[in-house]
Protein backbone atom coordinates (compact mmCIF):
# COMPACT_ATOMS: atom_id res chain seq x y z
CA MET A 1 95.79 197.55 58.31
CA ASN A 2 96.27 201.33 58.13
CA LEU A 3 93.82 203.65 59.85
CA PRO A 4 92.73 206.32 57.35
CA LEU A 5 93.35 209.98 58.12
CA LYS A 6 90.56 211.54 60.13
CA ASN A 7 88.24 214.17 58.73
CA PRO A 8 89.11 217.08 61.09
CA ALA A 9 85.50 218.15 61.63
CA ILE A 10 84.31 214.62 62.38
CA ALA A 11 87.31 213.95 64.61
CA TYR A 12 86.55 217.11 66.59
CA GLN A 13 82.89 216.14 67.01
CA ARG A 14 83.88 212.67 68.22
CA LYS A 15 86.34 214.17 70.71
CA ILE A 16 83.59 216.39 72.13
CA PHE A 17 81.29 213.37 72.46
CA LEU A 18 83.96 211.33 74.23
CA VAL A 19 84.77 214.18 76.62
CA ILE A 20 81.08 214.37 77.57
CA VAL A 21 81.01 210.61 78.15
CA MET A 22 84.15 210.80 80.29
CA ILE A 23 82.74 213.65 82.39
CA PHE A 24 79.49 211.76 82.86
CA GLY A 25 81.42 208.62 83.81
CA VAL A 26 83.44 210.53 86.41
CA TYR A 27 80.21 211.98 87.78
CA LEU A 28 78.70 208.52 88.15
CA ALA A 29 81.84 207.08 89.65
CA THR A 30 82.09 209.84 92.27
CA THR A 31 78.42 210.31 93.13
CA HIS A 32 77.32 206.68 92.93
CA ALA A 33 80.40 204.81 94.06
CA ASP A 34 78.30 202.88 96.56
CA LEU A 35 76.38 201.37 93.63
CA ALA A 36 79.42 199.98 91.81
CA VAL A 37 78.53 196.42 92.81
CA GLU A 38 74.91 195.27 92.68
CA THR A 39 73.28 192.12 94.03
CA ASP A 40 69.95 191.16 92.51
CA ALA A 41 67.42 190.78 95.31
CA GLN A 42 65.52 187.95 93.63
CA THR A 43 68.35 185.88 92.22
CA GLY A 44 71.27 186.70 94.50
CA SER A 45 73.46 187.18 91.42
CA THR A 46 76.12 189.87 91.67
CA SER A 47 77.27 192.07 88.80
CA VAL A 48 79.35 195.21 88.45
CA ARG A 49 78.01 198.45 87.08
CA HIS A 50 80.16 200.27 84.54
CA PRO A 51 79.99 204.09 84.68
CA GLY A 52 78.31 205.73 81.69
CA GLY A 53 76.47 202.55 80.66
CA LEU A 54 73.34 204.22 79.26
CA LEU A 55 72.79 204.99 75.59
CA CYS A 56 71.22 208.48 75.29
CA GLY A 57 70.01 208.23 78.88
CA ILE A 58 67.50 205.43 78.20
CA THR A 59 67.23 202.02 79.87
CA GLN A 60 64.18 200.47 78.18
CA ALA A 61 64.40 200.04 74.39
CA VAL A 62 63.07 197.66 71.74
CA CYS A 63 64.21 196.03 68.49
CA TYR A 64 62.07 196.85 65.47
CA SER A 65 61.87 195.54 61.92
CA GLY A 66 58.21 195.95 61.01
CA PHE A 67 57.88 193.31 58.30
CA ARG A 68 54.36 191.88 58.29
CA SER A 69 52.97 188.70 56.74
CA GLY A 70 54.15 188.47 53.14
CA GLN A 71 56.90 191.06 53.66
CA HIS A 72 60.64 190.64 54.17
CA PRO A 73 63.93 192.56 53.99
CA ASP A 74 66.46 192.16 51.21
CA ARG A 75 68.78 189.31 52.10
CA GLY A 76 69.82 188.68 48.51
CA ASN A 77 66.47 188.21 46.77
CA GLY A 78 64.99 191.69 46.99
CA ALA A 79 62.73 193.20 49.63
CA VAL A 80 58.97 193.50 50.15
CA ASN A 81 58.71 196.48 52.47
CA PRO A 82 55.87 197.76 54.66
CA SER A 83 54.01 200.86 53.50
CA ASP A 84 54.43 204.29 55.08
CA LYS A 85 51.02 203.84 56.71
CA GLU A 86 52.01 200.50 58.24
CA ILE A 87 55.32 201.80 59.54
CA LEU A 88 53.71 204.89 61.03
CA GLU A 89 51.13 202.70 62.77
CA ASP A 90 53.96 200.67 64.30
CA LEU A 91 55.90 203.71 65.44
CA GLN A 92 52.81 205.20 67.05
CA ILE A 93 52.12 201.92 68.85
CA LEU A 94 55.66 201.82 70.18
CA SER A 95 56.00 205.48 71.11
CA ARG A 96 52.49 206.48 72.16
CA GLN A 97 51.06 203.26 73.59
CA CYS A 98 54.24 201.77 75.06
CA ASP A 99 56.41 204.88 75.51
CA PHE A 100 59.46 203.39 73.83
CA ARG A 101 61.83 206.26 73.05
CA LEU A 102 64.68 204.20 71.60
CA ILE A 103 64.45 201.52 68.90
CA ARG A 104 66.97 199.40 67.05
CA LEU A 105 66.97 199.00 63.25
CA TYR A 106 69.02 196.25 61.62
CA ASP A 107 70.01 197.67 58.26
CA SER A 108 70.27 200.91 56.30
CA GLN A 109 68.08 199.93 53.39
CA THR A 110 64.78 201.33 52.11
CA ASN A 111 62.64 200.29 55.06
CA SER A 112 65.00 201.83 57.62
CA ALA A 113 65.24 205.04 55.61
CA THR A 114 61.44 205.23 55.67
CA VAL A 115 61.36 204.72 59.44
CA LEU A 116 63.78 207.61 59.94
CA ARG A 117 61.91 209.85 57.53
CA LEU A 118 58.60 209.24 59.32
CA ILE A 119 60.08 209.78 62.77
CA GLN A 120 61.27 213.18 61.57
CA SER A 121 58.23 214.23 59.56
CA GLU A 122 55.77 213.16 62.27
CA ASN A 123 57.92 214.63 65.06
CA LEU A 124 57.90 211.35 66.99
CA LYS A 125 59.93 211.22 70.19
CA ILE A 126 62.01 208.23 69.10
CA LYS A 127 65.77 207.80 68.84
CA VAL A 128 67.37 205.08 66.72
CA LEU A 129 70.30 202.70 66.96
CA LEU A 130 70.86 202.29 63.23
CA GLY A 131 72.23 199.06 61.78
CA ALA A 132 74.40 198.25 58.79
CA TRP A 133 73.64 194.68 57.74
CA LEU A 134 76.69 192.65 56.70
CA SER A 135 76.22 189.63 54.44
CA ALA A 136 78.57 186.65 54.31
CA GLU A 137 82.07 187.30 53.04
CA ILE A 138 83.37 183.82 53.90
CA ASN A 139 81.75 180.40 54.23
CA ASN A 140 81.05 179.07 57.70
CA SER A 141 81.05 175.29 57.93
CA ASN A 142 79.75 175.49 61.51
CA CYS A 143 76.36 176.87 60.51
CA PRO A 144 73.89 174.05 61.28
CA TRP A 145 71.18 175.05 58.78
CA GLN A 146 73.24 176.05 55.74
CA LYS A 147 73.53 172.95 53.57
CA GLN A 148 75.51 174.35 50.64
CA PRO A 149 78.45 176.78 50.75
CA TYR A 150 78.20 180.14 49.04
CA THR A 151 79.87 180.37 45.65
CA GLU A 152 82.86 182.64 45.20
CA GLU A 153 80.70 184.83 42.96
CA THR A 154 78.12 185.23 45.74
CA LEU A 155 80.76 186.10 48.32
CA ALA A 156 82.32 188.67 46.00
CA ALA A 157 78.90 190.22 45.36
CA ASN A 158 78.26 190.31 49.11
CA LYS A 159 81.45 192.28 49.68
CA LEU A 160 80.28 194.89 47.19
CA GLN A 161 76.86 194.98 48.84
CA ASN A 162 78.44 195.35 52.29
CA ALA A 163 80.45 198.35 51.10
CA LYS A 164 77.25 199.88 49.74
CA GLU A 165 75.46 199.17 53.02
CA ILE A 166 78.19 200.89 55.02
CA ASN A 167 77.89 203.94 52.80
CA SER A 168 74.10 203.95 53.27
CA ALA A 169 74.48 203.79 57.06
CA VAL A 170 76.89 206.74 56.97
CA ASP A 171 74.53 208.72 54.76
CA LEU A 172 71.52 208.09 57.03
CA ALA A 173 73.47 208.88 60.19
CA LYS A 174 74.49 212.20 58.64
CA GLN A 175 71.01 212.94 57.30
CA TYR A 176 69.32 212.30 60.66
CA PRO A 177 71.88 213.37 63.30
CA ASN A 178 69.19 214.21 65.85
CA ILE A 179 67.50 210.81 65.52
CA VAL A 180 70.34 208.33 64.96
CA VAL A 181 72.19 208.05 68.28
CA ALA A 182 74.61 205.28 67.27
CA VAL A 183 75.50 202.99 64.36
CA ALA A 184 75.85 199.20 64.69
CA VAL A 185 78.13 197.62 62.08
CA GLY A 186 76.86 194.09 61.46
CA ASN A 187 74.59 191.82 63.46
CA GLU A 188 75.82 188.41 64.63
CA ALA A 189 78.27 188.33 61.73
CA LEU A 190 81.04 186.89 63.91
CA VAL A 191 79.49 184.22 66.15
CA THR A 192 80.47 180.66 65.20
CA TRP A 193 77.01 179.39 64.17
CA ASN A 194 75.90 182.16 61.78
CA ASP A 195 75.13 181.97 58.04
CA HIS A 196 76.58 185.40 57.20
CA MET A 197 80.10 185.33 58.59
CA VAL A 198 82.48 188.23 58.06
CA PRO A 199 86.16 188.08 59.11
CA VAL A 200 86.89 190.22 62.17
CA ASP A 201 89.54 192.18 60.25
CA SER A 202 86.91 193.15 57.70
CA VAL A 203 84.51 194.19 60.46
CA ILE A 204 87.24 196.35 61.99
CA SER A 205 87.84 197.95 58.59
CA TYR A 206 84.13 198.75 58.26
CA VAL A 207 84.02 200.13 61.81
CA ARG A 208 86.95 202.43 61.08
CA LYS A 209 85.32 203.65 57.89
CA VAL A 210 82.10 204.52 59.71
CA LYS A 211 83.93 206.20 62.60
CA GLU A 212 85.87 208.28 60.12
CA GLN A 213 82.67 209.75 58.70
CA VAL A 214 80.05 210.04 61.45
CA SER A 215 79.96 211.81 64.79
CA GLN A 216 77.73 209.22 66.50
CA PRO A 217 79.24 206.36 68.52
CA VAL A 218 79.87 203.13 66.61
CA THR A 219 79.34 199.57 67.86
CA VAL A 220 79.14 195.93 66.72
CA ALA A 221 76.38 193.58 67.92
CA ASP A 222 77.01 189.90 68.60
CA ASN A 223 76.42 187.00 70.96
CA TYR A 224 77.78 187.44 74.48
CA ASP A 225 79.93 184.31 74.23
CA TRP A 226 81.81 185.59 71.18
CA TRP A 227 82.69 188.76 73.05
CA VAL A 228 83.92 186.77 76.05
CA HIS A 229 86.29 184.55 74.07
CA HIS A 230 87.20 186.54 70.96
CA GLY A 231 86.13 190.15 71.37
CA ALA A 232 89.09 191.97 72.92
CA GLN A 233 90.66 193.18 69.66
CA LEU A 234 87.39 194.45 68.18
CA ALA A 235 86.20 196.01 71.45
CA LYS A 236 89.17 198.39 71.42
CA GLU A 237 87.86 199.86 68.15
CA LEU A 238 84.35 200.56 69.45
CA ASP A 239 82.63 203.29 71.40
CA PHE A 240 80.57 200.61 73.14
CA VAL A 241 80.07 196.84 72.87
CA SER A 242 76.63 195.42 71.97
CA ILE A 243 75.78 192.00 73.38
CA HIS A 244 72.98 189.48 72.80
CA ILE A 245 71.66 187.25 75.59
CA TYR A 246 69.04 184.48 75.16
CA PRO A 247 68.53 182.13 78.12
CA VAL A 248 65.66 180.26 76.46
CA TRP A 249 67.80 179.48 73.37
CA GLU A 250 70.37 177.91 75.71
CA GLY A 251 67.95 175.56 77.46
CA LYS A 252 66.93 177.71 80.43
CA ASP A 253 63.41 177.99 81.76
CA ILE A 254 62.03 181.11 83.36
CA ASP A 255 63.21 180.45 86.92
CA ASP A 256 66.82 180.35 85.70
CA ALA A 257 66.45 183.13 83.12
CA MET A 258 67.64 186.13 85.10
CA PRO A 259 70.53 184.42 86.91
CA TYR A 260 71.73 183.21 83.49
CA THR A 261 71.26 186.65 81.93
CA ILE A 262 73.24 188.31 84.70
CA ALA A 263 75.98 185.68 84.49
CA ASN A 264 76.28 186.21 80.71
CA TYR A 265 76.51 189.97 81.15
CA GLN A 266 79.08 189.65 83.90
CA ALA A 267 81.20 187.28 81.80
CA VAL A 268 81.47 189.99 79.13
CA ARG A 269 82.14 192.63 81.77
CA ASN A 270 84.98 190.51 83.18
CA ALA A 271 86.44 189.91 79.71
CA LEU A 272 86.14 193.56 78.59
CA PRO A 273 86.45 195.61 81.80
CA GLN A 274 87.13 198.89 79.98
CA SER A 275 84.19 198.68 77.56
CA GLN A 276 80.78 200.25 77.91
CA LEU A 277 78.19 197.48 77.42
CA VAL A 278 74.74 197.74 75.89
CA ILE A 279 72.40 194.74 75.64
CA THR A 280 71.09 195.04 72.10
CA GLU A 281 69.06 191.82 72.18
CA ALA A 282 67.41 189.90 75.00
CA GLY A 283 63.99 188.32 74.77
CA TRP A 284 61.64 185.41 75.27
CA ALA A 285 59.67 183.55 72.58
CA THR A 286 55.96 182.99 73.18
CA VAL A 287 55.59 180.07 70.74
CA ALA A 288 58.39 177.72 69.67
CA SER A 289 58.45 174.16 68.41
CA GLU A 290 62.09 174.13 69.60
CA PHE A 291 61.31 175.14 73.20
CA GLY A 292 58.07 173.36 74.07
CA ALA A 293 56.43 174.66 77.25
CA ARG A 294 59.32 177.07 77.91
CA ALA A 295 57.86 179.32 75.21
CA ASP A 296 54.93 181.10 76.80
CA GLU A 297 53.35 184.56 77.00
CA LYS A 298 53.32 184.59 80.80
CA LYS A 299 57.01 183.66 80.86
CA GLN A 300 57.77 186.41 78.35
CA LYS A 301 55.94 188.86 80.63
CA ARG A 302 57.92 187.75 83.66
CA TYR A 303 61.25 187.88 81.83
CA TYR A 304 60.48 191.38 80.55
CA ARG A 305 59.57 192.59 84.02
CA GLU A 306 62.62 191.10 85.74
CA LEU A 307 65.03 192.03 82.95
CA PHE A 308 64.12 195.71 83.01
CA ALA A 309 63.97 195.89 86.79
CA TRP A 310 67.59 194.69 86.78
CA ALA A 311 68.58 196.91 83.83
CA GLU A 312 67.12 199.94 85.60
CA GLN A 313 68.96 199.08 88.79
CA MET A 314 72.20 198.60 86.88
CA GLN A 315 71.62 201.49 84.47
CA ILE A 316 72.22 199.39 81.35
CA THR A 317 70.49 200.26 78.09
CA THR A 318 68.66 197.08 77.08
CA PHE A 319 66.79 196.36 73.84
CA PHE A 320 64.04 193.78 74.15
CA PHE A 321 63.77 191.47 71.15
CA GLU A 322 61.44 192.31 69.59
CA ALA A 323 58.47 194.63 68.92
CA PHE A 324 56.38 192.47 66.55
CA ASP A 325 56.34 188.83 65.46
CA GLU A 326 57.82 188.33 61.98
CA ASP A 327 56.46 185.52 59.80
CA TRP A 328 59.29 185.68 57.26
CA LYS A 329 61.95 184.46 59.67
CA GLY A 330 63.17 180.92 60.22
CA ASN A 331 61.97 177.75 58.51
CA PRO A 332 59.09 178.55 56.12
CA ASP A 333 57.72 175.03 56.67
CA ASP A 334 57.44 175.51 60.45
CA PRO A 335 54.90 178.20 61.39
CA LEU A 336 55.56 177.45 65.06
CA GLY A 337 59.32 178.00 64.78
CA ALA A 338 60.84 180.20 67.47
CA GLU A 339 62.27 182.79 65.07
CA LYS A 340 58.74 183.92 64.20
CA HIS A 341 57.40 184.51 67.73
CA TRP A 342 59.55 186.86 69.81
CA GLY A 343 57.32 189.91 69.49
CA LEU A 344 55.57 191.90 72.19
CA PHE A 345 52.78 192.02 69.61
CA THR A 346 51.70 189.39 67.08
CA SER A 347 52.36 189.95 63.38
CA ASP A 348 48.83 191.39 63.01
CA ARG A 349 49.59 193.85 65.85
CA LYS A 350 47.56 192.20 68.60
CA PRO A 351 49.15 192.79 72.03
CA LYS A 352 50.49 189.84 74.00
CA ASP A 353 50.18 189.54 77.79
CA VAL A 354 53.28 191.64 78.47
CA VAL A 355 51.91 194.73 76.69
CA GLY A 356 49.35 195.52 79.38
CA GLU A 357 52.15 195.75 81.92
CA ILE A 358 54.26 197.91 79.59
CA GLN A 359 51.36 200.29 79.03
CA LEU A 360 50.59 200.47 82.74
CA LYS A 361 54.19 201.40 83.47
CA ALA A 362 54.21 203.92 80.62
CA LYS A 363 50.94 205.63 81.65
CA PRO A 364 52.37 207.89 84.40
CA HIS A 365 55.15 209.07 82.07
CA ARG A 366 52.69 209.81 79.25
CA GLU A 367 50.37 211.73 81.57
CA SER A 368 53.24 213.84 82.88
CA LYS A 369 54.14 215.13 79.40
């Protein structure tokens, strides 16, 4: 696979960015060398800090989609998007009530373009990790919920759509250079159990295309275990590696959640010692037919508190999954399914237990502005 010739202006901008990162990394390494190895006081787990591990200087971030009851993104059957008023309400909740200054978007379609437009027009103090959603380009027989393989016609159409999506991500990153701080190519498109698998060579090709055209750093987001066992080749192409960690999905209850989280993170760190790591998903469901009593608002609150205490100590940008419950996800015949209930707020924007703690922590920062 041949790497296309660099646009000189973009290449220069990327070089400047990387020099800044290197200088910052040297600063951290020399002024905080005594913090290179951290031991969590509550769990006793040990993990190694990697210099320059923060994305735009922020530790606490959140994943945001914004689709309310009756709404959904385009995953092949068209989209029903929130209105400008609904999106603005969400952004004000996240930025003004909870003081989130960094959010993650999953695609570069109409809804995401609206989010970026409103952040700019309303002068909201929010930065964005922008996504480019990749649909299946090959069938994955290991997906437990997909009963029928995609047709060759569907896969071919998906490839065309993926190319369009990459172009949209590039366009939005260029249009909003002061808001979009990084671009994520694909989301869980590589892990063995997904329903939208894309070959790693294709992902690398998409990554190179984006890097050729934007000045922002470029990443790929996937499950921690995939990065541990298969991620070395792809990691070399990226400005940072984005990992997903879900203790509750893997049978852990709250007492084991942080030790498991730290162990997952450290496994990726050991496998990819030269990569900057960002946790782009970690969360706790509050209702789940799959999890029983492990799904709980008080447990979500505890996991949030302990996760960000550790992330702050380690200086790791971490995106909590997610801002609001989303009814469209998962099995439509199971309203109690886990996929629908990861939000800090319910789908009708009522705060869960954890929000009071988030707002209390955010209050001193808001008052100091």
